[in-house]
Amino acid sequence: MRLLAGICAAGKSSRMGFDKLSTPPSLHAPDTLLRRAITAAKGHDILVALPPDSHPYFSARRAILRPSDDFICVEQANEGLSATLKSLAQAAISGGYDGLIVMLADLPFITAAHLETLAVLFETFEGTQSVRAMSQSGRDGHPVIFPACLLPEFDRLTGDHGAQELIAKYGAKRVEMPSEAATWDMDTLEDWRQM
């Protein structure tokens, strides 16, 4: 099955106070959160959702991408995550993909192996069910793979709650990951220090 890995990287990093996606977390880990997300998506077609080119973080995030990495600018990114999800869903529909992998760029420990586990289960259900990563402690997390049949409904999403209402309405098969990687996101300076 053809899956589009949509990487959500259009956010403002407002709780962090700086561009967390394009800043190396330490001297010992010179890569960036955005580069880690792109690396984790290897093996799938990738589409990175960036803020508008007028946004102060656009240039730094764009510079991280390789020439082969496709990207889109989410002009309404200030409306919240829903705007990014709408743009990624429209791209997946236009490209005739069987599903959309929604990846948050601020989950530094998601790997290609995590995505492969999700993709295998998605194919087991013949692309008819959403599949969601769950942490070892039982908390729902990301990535999530949405089937093509649900993507038109992304147009109804609003605000910064992501696609929670679609998951609540249609359900999702949950896959436990052998760590907390699915829920360990970098939202605050304390998260950053712990990384």
C-alpha atoms as a PDB file:
ATOM      1  CA  MET A   1       0.000   0.000   0.000  1.00  0.00           C
ATOM      2  CA  ARG A   2       1.138   3.536  -0.738  1.00  0.00           C
ATOM      3  CA  LEU A   3       1.345   5.714   2.351  1.00  0.00           C
ATOM      4  CA  LEU A   4       2.214   9.395   2.554  1.00  0.00           C
ATOM      5  CA  ALA A   5       4.219  10.348   5.629  1.00  0.00           C
ATOM      6  CA  GLY A   6       2.973  13.821   6.504  1.00  0.00           C
ATOM      7  CA  ILE A   7       5.306  15.568   8.937  1.00  0.00           C
ATOM      8  CA  CYS A   8       3.666  18.366  10.915  1.00  0.00           C
ATOM      9  CA  ALA A   9       6.290  21.117  11.168  1.00  0.00           C
ATOM     10  CA  ALA A  10       4.259  24.300  10.746  1.00  0.00           C
ATOM     11  CA  GLY A  11       3.804  25.107  14.429  1.00  0.00           C
ATOM     12  CA  LYS A  12       4.985  28.179  16.336  1.00  0.00           C
ATOM     13  CA  SER A  13       6.919  26.441  19.162  1.00  0.00           C
ATOM     14  CA  SER A  14       5.231  29.047  21.377  1.00  0.00           C
ATOM     15  CA  ARG A  15       5.665  27.170  24.654  1.00  0.00           C
ATOM     16  CA  MET A  16       9.371  26.678  23.947  1.00  0.00           C
ATOM     17  CA  GLY A  17      10.201  30.289  23.083  1.00  0.00           C
ATOM     18  CA  PHE A  18      12.508  29.353  20.197  1.00  0.00           C
ATOM     19  CA  ASP A  19      12.346  27.190  17.080  1.00  0.00           C
ATOM     20  CA  LYS A  20      12.674  23.756  18.645  1.00  0.00           C
ATOM     21  CA  LEU A  21      12.383  21.953  15.305  1.00  0.00           C
ATOM     22  CA  SER A  22      15.513  23.445  13.747  1.00  0.00           C
ATOM     23  CA  THR A  23      17.696  23.792  16.861  1.00  0.00           C
ATOM     24  CA  PRO A  24      20.085  20.926  17.736  1.00  0.00           C
ATOM     25  CA  PRO A  25      19.139  19.724  21.242  1.00  0.00           C
ATOM     26  CA  SER A  26      22.742  19.390  22.427  1.00  0.00           C
ATOM     27  CA  LEU A  27      26.354  19.184  21.343  1.00  0.00           C
ATOM     28  CA  HIS A  28      26.068  15.414  21.676  1.00  0.00           C
ATOM     29  CA  ALA A  29      23.009  15.255  19.402  1.00  0.00           C
ATOM     30  CA  PRO A  30      23.714  17.695  16.559  1.00  0.00           C
ATOM     31  CA  ASP A  31      20.696  16.594  14.544  1.00  0.00           C
ATOM     32  CA  THR A  32      17.378  18.408  14.883  1.00  0.00           C
ATOM     33  CA  LEU A  33      13.870  17.283  15.743  1.00  0.00           C
ATOM     34  CA  LEU A  34      12.758  17.872  12.160  1.00  0.00           C
ATOM     35  CA  ARG A  35      15.678  15.877  10.732  1.00  0.00           C
ATOM     36  CA  ARG A  36      14.862  12.995  13.106  1.00  0.00           C
ATOM     37  CA  ALA A  37      11.244  12.922  11.925  1.00  0.00           C
ATOM     38  CA  ILE A  38      12.303  12.880   8.282  1.00  0.00           C
ATOM     39  CA  THR A  39      14.775  10.066   8.964  1.00  0.00           C
ATOM     40  CA  ALA A  40      12.090   8.037  10.738  1.00  0.00           C
ATOM     41  CA  ALA A  41       9.833   8.324   7.676  1.00  0.00           C
ATOM     42  CA  LYS A  42      12.374   6.764   5.302  1.00  0.00           C
ATOM     43  CA  GLY A  43      10.823   4.170   3.046  1.00  0.00           C
ATOM     44  CA  HIS A  44       7.669   6.230   2.553  1.00  0.00           C
ATOM     45  CA  ASP A  45       6.889   9.225   0.400  1.00  0.00           C
ATOM     46  CA  ILE A  46       7.436  12.252   2.626  1.00  0.00           C
ATOM     47  CA  LEU A  47       5.658  15.593   2.700  1.00  0.00           C
ATOM     48  CA  VAL A  48       6.782  18.147   5.273  1.00  0.00           C
ATOM     49  CA  ALA A  49       4.241  20.794   6.260  1.00  0.00           C
ATOM     50  CA  LEU A  50       6.075  24.070   6.941  1.00  0.00           C
ATOM     51  CA  PRO A  51       4.759  27.476   8.040  1.00  0.00           C
ATOM     52  CA  PRO A  52       4.293  30.197   5.396  1.00  0.00           C
ATOM     53  CA  ASP A  53       7.509  31.530   3.872  1.00  0.00           C
ATOM     54  CA  SER A  54       6.834  34.831   5.674  1.00  0.00           C
ATOM     55  CA  HIS A  55       7.109  33.079   9.059  1.00  0.00           C
ATOM     56  CA  PRO A  56      10.356  33.692  11.005  1.00  0.00           C
ATOM     57  CA  TYR A  57      11.000  29.938  11.349  1.00  0.00           C
ATOM     58  CA  PHE A  58      10.398  29.040   7.714  1.00  0.00           C
ATOM     59  CA  SER A  59      13.949  29.527   6.417  1.00  0.00           C
ATOM     60  CA  ALA A  60      15.654  27.501   9.148  1.00  0.00           C
ATOM     61  CA  ARG A  61      13.225  24.606   8.759  1.00  0.00           C
ATOM     62  CA  ARG A  62      13.409  24.723   4.976  1.00  0.00           C
ATOM     63  CA  ALA A  63      17.215  24.558   5.169  1.00  0.00           C
ATOM     64  CA  ILE A  64      17.017  21.219   6.985  1.00  0.00           C
ATOM     65  CA  LEU A  65      15.237  19.541   4.085  1.00  0.00           C
ATOM     66  CA  ARG A  66      17.145  17.601   1.447  1.00  0.00           C
ATOM     67  CA  PRO A  67      16.459  18.348  -2.234  1.00  0.00           C
ATOM     68  CA  SER A  68      14.399  15.148  -2.389  1.00  0.00           C
ATOM     69  CA  ASP A  69      12.136  16.138   0.532  1.00  0.00           C
ATOM     70  CA  ASP A  70       8.827  17.532  -0.670  1.00  0.00           C
ATOM     71  CA  PHE A  71       7.199  20.255   1.380  1.00  0.00           C
ATOM     72  CA  ILE A  72       4.145  22.465   1.441  1.00  0.00           C
ATOM     73  CA  CYS A  73       3.571  25.805   3.151  1.00  0.00           C
ATOM     74  CA  VAL A  74       0.495  25.928   5.382  1.00  0.00           C
ATOM     75  CA  GLU A  75      -0.729  29.486   4.917  1.00  0.00           C
ATOM     76  CA  GLN A  76      -3.252  29.215   7.774  1.00  0.00           C
ATOM     77  CA  ALA A  77      -0.805  27.559  10.191  1.00  0.00           C
ATOM     78  CA  ASN A  78      -1.705  30.105  12.885  1.00  0.00           C
ATOM     79  CA  GLU A  79      -5.173  28.495  13.062  1.00  0.00           C
ATOM     80  CA  GLY A  80      -3.665  25.424  14.720  1.00  0.00           C
ATOM     81  CA  LEU A  81      -2.803  21.841  13.878  1.00  0.00           C
ATOM     82  CA  SER A  82      -6.070  21.379  11.984  1.00  0.00           C
ATOM     83  CA  ALA A  83      -4.838  23.606   9.154  1.00  0.00           C
ATOM     84  CA  THR A  84      -1.736  21.439   8.736  1.00  0.00           C
ATOM     85  CA  LEU A  85      -3.781  18.240   8.793  1.00  0.00           C
ATOM     86  CA  LYS A  86      -6.164  19.581   6.164  1.00  0.00           C
ATOM     87  CA  SER A  87      -3.267  20.435   3.858  1.00  0.00           C
ATOM     88  CA  LEU A  88      -1.637  17.032   4.309  1.00  0.00           C
ATOM     89  CA  ALA A  89      -4.933  15.207   3.755  1.00  0.00           C
ATOM     90  CA  GLN A  90      -5.580  17.129   0.549  1.00  0.00           C
ATOM     91  CA  ALA A  91      -2.112  16.203  -0.693  1.00  0.00           C
ATOM     92  CA  ALA A  92      -2.669  12.525   0.108  1.00  0.00           C
ATOM     93  CA  ILE A  93      -6.012  12.553  -1.695  1.00  0.00           C
ATOM     94  CA  SER A  94      -4.524  14.286  -4.732  1.00  0.00           C
ATOM     95  CA  GLY A  95      -1.670  11.781  -4.819  1.00  0.00           C
ATOM     96  CA  GLY A  96      -3.987   8.782  -4.685  1.00  0.00           C
ATOM     97  CA  TYR A  97      -2.437   7.393  -1.514  1.00  0.00           C
ATOM     98  CA  ASP A  98      -4.015   4.549   0.456  1.00  0.00           C
ATOM     99  CA  GLY A  99      -3.375   6.314   3.730  1.00  0.00           C
ATOM    100  CA  LEU A 100      -1.785   9.257   5.506  1.00  0.00           C
ATOM    101  CA  ILE A 101       0.763   8.805   8.275  1.00  0.00           C
ATOM    102  CA  VAL A 102       0.435  11.805  10.580  1.00  0.00           C
ATOM    103  CA  MET A 103       3.785  12.444  12.233  1.00  0.00           C
ATOM    104  CA  LEU A 104       4.471  15.170  14.780  1.00  0.00           C
ATOM    105  CA  ALA A 105       7.952  16.607  14.279  1.00  0.00           C
ATOM    106  CA  ASP A 106       8.550  17.079  18.006  1.00  0.00           C
ATOM    107  CA  LEU A 107       8.606  13.375  18.934  1.00  0.00           C
ATOM    108  CA  PRO A 108      12.372  12.761  18.884  1.00  0.00           C
ATOM    109  CA  PHE A 109      12.420   9.033  19.573  1.00  0.00           C
ATOM    110  CA  ILE A 110      10.069   7.774  16.868  1.00  0.00           C
ATOM    111  CA  THR A 111      11.981   5.543  14.461  1.00  0.00           C
ATOM    112  CA  ALA A 112      11.453   3.854  11.122  1.00  0.00           C
ATOM    113  CA  ALA A 113      10.782   0.631  13.052  1.00  0.00           C
ATOM    114  CA  HIS A 114       7.824   2.249  14.821  1.00  0.00           C
ATOM    115  CA  LEU A 115       6.358   3.319  11.484  1.00  0.00           C
ATOM    116  CA  GLU A 116       6.909  -0.120   9.999  1.00  0.00           C
ATOM    117  CA  THR A 117       5.003  -1.735  12.875  1.00  0.00           C
ATOM    118  CA  LEU A 118       2.070   0.616  12.284  1.00  0.00           C
ATOM    119  CA  ALA A 119       2.161   0.132   8.502  1.00  0.00           C
ATOM    120  CA  VAL A 120       2.082  -3.669   8.832  1.00  0.00           C
ATOM    121  CA  LEU A 121      -1.044  -3.505  10.993  1.00  0.00           C
ATOM    122  CA  PHE A 122      -2.617  -0.961   8.628  1.00  0.00           C
ATOM    123  CA  GLU A 123      -2.091  -3.387   5.746  1.00  0.00           C
ATOM    124  CA  THR A 124      -3.446  -6.272   7.838  1.00  0.00           C
ATOM    125  CA  PHE A 125      -6.757  -4.389   7.972  1.00  0.00           C
ATOM    126  CA  GLU A 126      -6.439  -3.709   4.216  1.00  0.00           C
ATOM    127  CA  GLY A 127      -6.254   0.039   4.763  1.00  0.00           C
ATOM    128  CA  THR A 128      -9.761   0.316   6.214  1.00  0.00           C
ATOM    129  CA  GLN A 129      -8.911   1.189   9.845  1.00  0.00           C
ATOM    130  CA  SER A 130      -6.948   3.968  11.449  1.00  0.00           C
ATOM    131  CA  VAL A 131      -3.916   2.707  13.346  1.00  0.00           C
ATOM    132  CA  ARG A 132      -2.445   4.596  16.301  1.00  0.00           C
ATOM    133  CA  ALA A 133       0.770   4.241  18.267  1.00  0.00           C
ATOM    134  CA  MET A 134       0.417   3.770  22.008  1.00  0.00           C
ATOM    135  CA  SER A 135       3.141   4.100  24.624  1.00  0.00           C
ATOM    136  CA  GLN A 136       4.233   1.193  26.770  1.00  0.00           C
ATOM    137  CA  SER A 137       2.379   2.775  29.696  1.00  0.00           C
ATOM    138  CA  GLY A 138      -0.880   2.709  27.703  1.00  0.00           C
ATOM    139  CA  ARG A 139      -1.209   6.335  26.597  1.00  0.00           C
ATOM    140  CA  ASP A 140      -2.389   7.147  23.076  1.00  0.00           C
ATOM    141  CA  GLY A 141       0.255   8.842  20.971  1.00  0.00           C
ATOM    142  CA  HIS A 142       1.648   9.299  17.477  1.00  0.00           C
ATOM    143  CA  PRO A 143       2.155   8.486  14.670  1.00  0.00           C
ATOM    144  CA  VAL A 144      -1.348   7.700  13.440  1.00  0.00           C
ATOM    145  CA  ILE A 145      -2.174   6.246  10.036  1.00  0.00           C
ATOM    146  CA  PHE A 146      -5.524   7.318   8.584  1.00  0.00           C
ATOM    147  CA  PRO A 147      -7.111   5.430   5.686  1.00  0.00           C
ATOM    148  CA  ALA A 148      -7.883   7.249   2.449  1.00  0.00           C
ATOM    149  CA  CYS A 149     -11.633   6.926   3.058  1.00  0.00           C
ATOM    150  CA  LEU A 150     -11.379   9.256   6.097  1.00  0.00           C
ATOM    151  CA  LEU A 151      -9.211  11.944   4.552  1.00  0.00           C
ATOM    152  CA  PRO A 152     -12.071  14.010   3.053  1.00  0.00           C
ATOM    153  CA  GLU A 153     -13.383  14.464   6.603  1.00  0.00           C
ATOM    154  CA  PHE A 154     -10.238  16.344   7.597  1.00  0.00           C
ATOM    155  CA  ASP A 155     -11.834  19.423   6.016  1.00  0.00           C
ATOM    156  CA  ARG A 156     -14.153  19.598   9.062  1.00  0.00           C
ATOM    157  CA  LEU A 157     -11.331  19.852  11.590  1.00  0.00           C
ATOM    158  CA  THR A 158     -10.820  23.115  13.469  1.00  0.00           C
ATOM    159  CA  GLY A 159      -8.431  24.504  16.050  1.00  0.00           C
ATOM    160  CA  ASP A 160      -5.429  22.805  17.587  1.00  0.00           C
ATOM    161  CA  HIS A 161      -6.938  19.470  18.650  1.00  0.00           C
ATOM    162  CA  GLY A 162      -5.705  17.521  15.671  1.00  0.00           C
ATOM    163  CA  ALA A 163      -7.861  14.653  14.446  1.00  0.00           C
ATOM    164  CA  GLN A 164      -9.066  13.502  17.873  1.00  0.00           C
ATOM    165  CA  GLU A 165     -12.716  13.876  16.892  1.00  0.00           C
ATOM    166  CA  LEU A 166     -12.248  11.585  13.894  1.00  0.00           C
ATOM    167  CA  ILE A 167     -10.557   8.970  16.046  1.00  0.00           C
ATOM    168  CA  ALA A 168     -13.360   9.263  18.604  1.00  0.00           C
ATOM    169  CA  LYS A 169     -15.972   8.849  15.883  1.00  0.00           C
ATOM    170  CA  TYR A 170     -14.400   6.055  13.843  1.00  0.00           C
ATOM    171  CA  GLY A 171     -12.000   4.437  16.286  1.00  0.00           C
ATOM    172  CA  ALA A 172      -8.420   3.347  15.783  1.00  0.00           C
ATOM    173  CA  LYS A 173      -6.511   0.129  16.269  1.00  0.00           C
ATOM    174  CA  ARG A 174      -3.906   0.802  18.943  1.00  0.00           C
ATOM    175  CA  VAL A 175      -0.377  -0.560  18.722  1.00  0.00           C
ATOM    176  CA  GLU A 176       1.717  -0.669  21.875  1.00  0.00           C
ATOM    177  CA  MET A 177       5.289   0.444  21.308  1.00  0.00           C
ATOM    178  CA  PRO A 178       8.056  -0.938  23.550  1.00  0.00           C
ATOM    179  CA  SER A 179       8.857   2.497  25.011  1.00  0.00           C
ATOM    180  CA  GLU A 180       7.351   5.906  25.698  1.00  0.00           C
ATOM    181  CA  ALA A 181       8.471   7.233  22.298  1.00  0.00           C
ATOM    182  CA  ALA A 182       4.887   7.623  21.034  1.00  0.00           C
ATOM    183  CA  THR A 183       4.084  10.204  23.712  1.00  0.00           C
ATOM    184  CA  TRP A 184       7.456  11.756  24.583  1.00  0.00           C
ATOM    185  CA  ASP A 185       7.206  15.120  22.863  1.00  0.00           C
ATOM    186  CA  MET A 186       9.311  18.226  23.240  1.00  0.00           C
ATOM    187  CA  ASP A 187       6.903  20.971  24.342  1.00  0.00           C
ATOM    188  CA  THR A 188       8.704  22.724  27.175  1.00  0.00           C
ATOM    189  CA  LEU A 189      12.218  23.705  28.191  1.00  0.00           C
ATOM    190  CA  GLU A 190      12.127  20.950  30.819  1.00  0.00           C
ATOM    191  CA  ASP A 191      11.373  18.386  28.094  1.00  0.00           C
ATOM    192  CA  TRP A 192      14.308  19.798  26.151  1.00  0.00           C
ATOM    193  CA  ARG A 193      16.676  19.514  29.129  1.00  0.00           C
ATOM    194  CA  GLN A 194      15.643  15.892  29.730  1.00  0.00           C
ATOM    195  CA  MET A 195      16.412  14.987  26.117  1.00  0.00           C
END
